[in-house]
Protein backbone atom coordinates (compact mmCIF):
# COMPACT_ATOMS: atom_id res chain seq x y z
CA UNK A 1 0.00 0.00 0.00
CA UNK A 2 1.24 3.48 -0.86
CA UNK A 3 -0.21 6.89 0.03
CA UNK A 4 0.66 10.16 -1.68
CA UNK A 5 -0.18 13.21 0.44
CA UNK A 6 -1.17 16.42 -1.36
CA UNK A 7 0.66 19.68 -0.54
CA UNK A 8 -2.41 20.83 1.46
CA UNK A 9 -2.41 17.59 3.50
CA UNK A 10 1.34 17.84 4.08
CA UNK A 11 0.89 21.40 5.34
CA UNK A 12 -1.85 20.35 7.76
CA UNK A 13 -0.05 17.21 9.06
CA UNK A 14 3.54 18.48 9.34
CA UNK A 15 3.07 20.31 12.68
CA UNK A 16 1.90 17.04 14.27
CA UNK A 17 4.95 15.13 13.01
CA UNK A 18 7.84 17.55 13.52
CA UNK A 19 9.04 16.26 16.88
CA UNK A 20 9.19 12.65 15.66
CA UNK A 21 7.32 11.22 18.65
CA UNK A 22 4.27 10.11 16.67
CA UNK A 23 3.62 8.19 13.47
CA UNK A 24 0.73 8.33 11.04
CA UNK A 25 -1.52 5.30 10.83
CA UNK A 26 -4.31 4.55 8.36
CA UNK A 27 -6.72 2.70 10.58
CA UNK A 28 -9.73 0.70 9.38
CA UNK A 29 -12.10 1.44 12.27
CA UNK A 30 -14.73 -1.22 12.87
CA UNK A 31 -15.85 -0.01 16.31
CA UNK A 32 -19.64 -0.19 16.39
CA UNK A 33 -19.88 -1.20 12.73
CA UNK A 34 -20.95 -4.79 13.27
CA UNK A 35 -18.36 -6.37 10.97
CA UNK A 36 -15.03 -5.60 9.37
CA UNK A 37 -16.61 -5.02 5.92
CA UNK A 38 -18.56 -2.05 7.31
CA UNK A 39 -15.43 -0.34 8.70
CA UNK A 40 -14.45 3.23 7.96
CA UNK A 41 -10.97 4.66 7.32
CA UNK A 42 -9.45 6.91 9.98
CA UNK A 43 -6.12 8.74 9.92
CA UNK A 44 -4.56 8.78 13.37
CA UNK A 45 -1.29 9.45 15.14
CA UNK A 46 0.19 6.79 17.39
CA UNK A 47 3.19 6.75 19.70
CA UNK A 48 3.75 3.00 19.84
CA UNK A 49 3.26 0.35 17.20
CA UNK A 50 1.52 -2.97 17.76
CA UNK A 51 2.36 -6.41 16.40
CA UNK A 52 -0.37 -5.86 13.76
CA UNK A 53 1.20 -2.69 12.34
CA UNK A 54 3.18 -2.71 9.12
CA UNK A 55 5.13 0.31 7.92
CA UNK A 56 4.77 1.51 4.36
CA UNK A 57 6.52 4.26 2.45
CA UNK A 58 4.34 7.17 1.49
CA UNK A 59 5.09 10.40 -0.27
CA UNK A 60 6.36 12.34 1.71
CA UNK A 61 5.32 10.57 4.95
CA UNK A 62 5.71 6.93 5.85
CA UNK A 63 2.68 5.47 7.61
CA UNK A 64 1.44 2.37 9.40
CA UNK A 65 -1.48 0.14 8.55
CA UNK A 66 -2.75 -3.34 9.38
CA UNK A 67 -2.19 -5.68 6.40
CA UNK A 68 -5.40 -7.63 7.12
CA UNK A 69 -7.35 -4.48 6.15
CA UNK A 70 -5.52 -3.61 2.95
CA UNK A 71 -8.02 -5.72 0.98
CA UNK A 72 -10.49 -2.84 1.41
CA UNK A 73 -8.24 -0.29 -0.32
CA UNK A 74 -6.55 0.18 -3.68
CA UNK A 75 -2.76 -0.24 -3.66
CA UNK A 76 -2.16 3.46 -4.44
CA UNK A 77 -4.07 6.00 -2.36
CA UNK A 78 -4.06 9.78 -2.06
CA UNK A 79 -4.87 11.92 0.94
CA UNK A 80 -5.83 15.53 0.29
CA UNK A 81 -7.00 18.29 2.62
CA UNK A 82 -9.82 20.73 1.90
CA UNK A 83 -9.31 23.86 4.04
CA UNK A 84 -12.78 25.21 3.16
CA UNK A 85 -14.35 22.15 4.81
CA UNK A 86 -11.53 21.49 7.29
CA UNK A 87 -11.48 17.86 6.23
CA UNK A 88 -9.14 15.26 4.80
CA UNK A 89 -10.12 13.26 1.73
CA UNK A 90 -9.07 9.66 1.04
CA UNK A 91 -9.23 8.61 -2.60
CA UNK A 92 -7.62 6.58 -5.34
CA UNK A 93 -7.79 6.66 -9.13
CA UNK A 94 -10.82 4.35 -8.91
CA UNK A 95 -12.90 5.87 -6.13
CA UNK A 96 -13.36 8.33 -3.30
CA UNK A 97 -13.37 6.44 0.00
CA UNK A 98 -14.43 9.44 2.05
CA UNK A 99 -14.61 13.23 1.73
CA UNK A 100 -14.48 13.46 5.50
CA UNK A 101 -11.55 11.30 6.61
CA UNK A 102 -11.51 11.53 10.39
CA UNK A 103 -8.14 12.63 11.79
CA UNK A 104 -7.28 11.78 15.38
CA UNK A 105 -4.11 13.59 16.48
């Protein structure tokens, strides 16, 4: 899995990553969804990895994800940020996953 971050997303995320204490993670949140297929993507910052986390190179940020959830996403993703709506957008060449990607700092 690979994520390219737009210049607007890089600008918004950089202040959270400058001290190097946290890492980005694309999380497939299934809390309250009933099953894994109904999960929603969430972009979060974590301080410690788990045994389920795999690191992937992104452009310009590396990020973590859980390989068991990559089946729900295209191999090449993009994250953009819309300042007018104060929201991140997760998309690929094939689809828009969400126009309101939740970000948990």
